[in-house]
């Protein structure tokens, strides 16, 4: 952008969806890593319905406490599209 010039941009902010397919199962947490570890909000347990998110990158922690298994994943959500997270925790 230059001084005195007009620039126009369009952005598609249509929410997308993320479907979690995790074996054997996992609690899904959305959040971020910080200096004190992962902080987030529990969204549910798989299997579950696809969830809506704004376009962009989102970080999740998949946790199966019974088997002491964890995996962190980052997903890019595209406007109006569904992303599928397929993970086998072992």
C-alpha atoms as a PDB file:
ATOM      1  CA  UNK A   1       0.000   0.000   0.000  1.00  0.00           C
ATOM      2  CA  UNK A   2       1.417   3.341  -1.006  1.00  0.00           C
ATOM      3  CA  UNK A   3       0.595   6.714   0.493  1.00  0.00           C
ATOM      4  CA  UNK A   4      -2.204   8.458  -1.373  1.00  0.00           C
ATOM      5  CA  UNK A   5      -3.312   5.262  -3.156  1.00  0.00           C
ATOM      6  CA  UNK A   6      -6.475   3.236  -2.593  1.00  0.00           C
ATOM      7  CA  UNK A   7      -6.226  -0.533  -2.337  1.00  0.00           C
ATOM      8  CA  UNK A   8      -9.111  -2.958  -2.010  1.00  0.00           C
ATOM      9  CA  UNK A   9      -8.932  -6.513  -0.751  1.00  0.00           C
ATOM     10  CA  UNK A  10     -11.644  -9.048  -0.132  1.00  0.00           C
ATOM     11  CA  UNK A  11     -11.499 -11.771   2.489  1.00  0.00           C
ATOM     12  CA  UNK A  12     -13.673 -14.848   2.765  1.00  0.00           C
ATOM     13  CA  UNK A  13     -14.446 -15.370   6.443  1.00  0.00           C
ATOM     14  CA  UNK A  14     -16.947 -18.178   5.936  1.00  0.00           C
ATOM     15  CA  UNK A  15     -16.412 -20.667   8.774  1.00  0.00           C
ATOM     16  CA  UNK A  16     -15.022 -24.082   7.931  1.00  0.00           C
ATOM     17  CA  UNK A  17     -15.385 -27.354   9.812  1.00  0.00           C
ATOM     18  CA  UNK A  18     -13.008 -29.827  11.402  1.00  0.00           C
ATOM     19  CA  UNK A  19     -13.873 -33.494  11.788  1.00  0.00           C
ATOM     20  CA  UNK A  20     -11.823 -35.526  14.272  1.00  0.00           C
ATOM     21  CA  UNK A  21     -11.313 -39.228  13.528  1.00  0.00           C
ATOM     22  CA  UNK A  22      -9.156 -40.603  16.345  1.00  0.00           C
ATOM     23  CA  UNK A  23      -8.409 -44.205  17.335  1.00  0.00           C
ATOM     24  CA  UNK A  24      -8.974 -45.486  19.926  1.00  0.00           C
ATOM     25  CA  UNK A  25     -10.638 -42.222  21.191  1.00  0.00           C
ATOM     26  CA  UNK A  26      -9.526 -38.881  22.557  1.00  0.00           C
ATOM     27  CA  UNK A  27     -10.667 -35.826  24.438  1.00  0.00           C
ATOM     28  CA  UNK A  28     -10.179 -32.855  22.102  1.00  0.00           C
ATOM     29  CA  UNK A  29      -8.732 -29.670  23.576  1.00  0.00           C
ATOM     30  CA  UNK A  30      -8.300 -26.408  21.665  1.00  0.00           C
ATOM     31  CA  UNK A  31      -5.577 -24.071  22.780  1.00  0.00           C
ATOM     32  CA  UNK A  32      -1.967 -23.066  22.468  1.00  0.00           C
ATOM     33  CA  UNK A  33       1.464 -23.865  23.821  1.00  0.00           C
ATOM     34  CA  UNK A  34       2.986 -21.381  26.191  1.00  0.00           C
ATOM     35  CA  UNK A  35       5.908 -21.253  28.600  1.00  0.00           C
ATOM     36  CA  UNK A  36       3.840 -23.242  31.129  1.00  0.00           C
ATOM     37  CA  UNK A  37       2.649 -25.937  28.728  1.00  0.00           C
ATOM     38  CA  UNK A  38      -0.550 -26.414  26.780  1.00  0.00           C
ATOM     39  CA  UNK A  39      -3.502 -24.267  27.842  1.00  0.00           C
ATOM     40  CA  UNK A  40      -6.903 -24.744  26.338  1.00  0.00           C
ATOM     41  CA  UNK A  41     -10.590 -25.580  26.455  1.00  0.00           C
ATOM     42  CA  UNK A  42     -12.069 -29.071  26.202  1.00  0.00           C
ATOM     43  CA  UNK A  43     -14.338 -29.367  23.160  1.00  0.00           C
ATOM     44  CA  UNK A  44     -15.534 -32.950  23.562  1.00  0.00           C
ATOM     45  CA  UNK A  45     -14.669 -36.613  23.146  1.00  0.00           C
ATOM     46  CA  UNK A  46     -14.398 -38.498  19.884  1.00  0.00           C
ATOM     47  CA  UNK A  47     -16.388 -39.653  18.096  1.00  0.00           C
ATOM     48  CA  UNK A  48     -18.151 -36.275  17.806  1.00  0.00           C
ATOM     49  CA  UNK A  49     -19.836 -34.097  15.201  1.00  0.00           C
ATOM     50  CA  UNK A  50     -17.607 -31.830  13.066  1.00  0.00           C
ATOM     51  CA  UNK A  51     -16.943 -28.460  14.715  1.00  0.00           C
ATOM     52  CA  UNK A  52     -17.055 -24.998  13.102  1.00  0.00           C
ATOM     53  CA  UNK A  53     -14.008 -22.725  13.166  1.00  0.00           C
ATOM     54  CA  UNK A  54     -12.986 -19.470  11.549  1.00  0.00           C
ATOM     55  CA  UNK A  55     -10.461 -19.743   8.703  1.00  0.00           C
ATOM     56  CA  UNK A  56      -6.853 -19.947   9.851  1.00  0.00           C
ATOM     57  CA  UNK A  57      -4.579 -22.247  11.841  1.00  0.00           C
ATOM     58  CA  UNK A  58      -5.898 -23.890  15.010  1.00  0.00           C
ATOM     59  CA  UNK A  59      -3.982 -26.062  17.500  1.00  0.00           C
ATOM     60  CA  UNK A  60      -5.523 -29.015  19.312  1.00  0.00           C
ATOM     61  CA  UNK A  61      -4.380 -31.520  21.900  1.00  0.00           C
ATOM     62  CA  UNK A  62      -5.792 -35.054  21.623  1.00  0.00           C
ATOM     63  CA  UNK A  63      -5.730 -36.826  24.991  1.00  0.00           C
ATOM     64  CA  UNK A  64      -6.563 -40.390  25.996  1.00  0.00           C
ATOM     65  CA  UNK A  65      -5.850 -40.486  29.752  1.00  0.00           C
ATOM     66  CA  UNK A  66      -6.813 -44.153  30.108  1.00  0.00           C
ATOM     67  CA  UNK A  67      -3.934 -45.173  27.830  1.00  0.00           C
ATOM     68  CA  UNK A  68      -1.697 -42.213  28.740  1.00  0.00           C
ATOM     69  CA  UNK A  69      -1.591 -41.015  25.112  1.00  0.00           C
ATOM     70  CA  UNK A  70      -1.338 -37.431  23.822  1.00  0.00           C
ATOM     71  CA  UNK A  71      -0.829 -35.832  20.440  1.00  0.00           C
ATOM     72  CA  UNK A  72      -0.789 -32.183  19.440  1.00  0.00           C
ATOM     73  CA  UNK A  73      -2.037 -31.254  15.960  1.00  0.00           C
ATOM     74  CA  UNK A  74      -2.343 -27.987  14.060  1.00  0.00           C
ATOM     75  CA  UNK A  75      -5.055 -27.722  11.432  1.00  0.00           C
ATOM     76  CA  UNK A  76      -5.474 -25.153   8.663  1.00  0.00           C
ATOM     77  CA  UNK A  77      -9.144 -24.312   8.188  1.00  0.00           C
ATOM     78  CA  UNK A  78     -10.116 -23.000   4.752  1.00  0.00           C
ATOM     79  CA  UNK A  79     -13.275 -20.899   4.227  1.00  0.00           C
ATOM     80  CA  UNK A  80     -16.361 -23.057   3.788  1.00  0.00           C
ATOM     81  CA  UNK A  81     -14.394 -26.320   3.671  1.00  0.00           C
ATOM     82  CA  UNK A  82     -14.119 -29.336   5.960  1.00  0.00           C
ATOM     83  CA  UNK A  83     -10.748 -30.547   7.237  1.00  0.00           C
ATOM     84  CA  UNK A  84     -10.395 -34.065   8.618  1.00  0.00           C
ATOM     85  CA  UNK A  85      -7.956 -34.877  11.402  1.00  0.00           C
ATOM     86  CA  UNK A  86      -7.174 -38.610  11.277  1.00  0.00           C
ATOM     87  CA  UNK A  87      -4.928 -39.795  14.099  1.00  0.00           C
ATOM     88  CA  UNK A  88      -4.093 -43.203  15.498  1.00  0.00           C
ATOM     89  CA  UNK A  89      -2.863 -42.728  19.036  1.00  0.00           C
ATOM     90  CA  UNK A  90      -0.299 -45.364  20.036  1.00  0.00           C
END
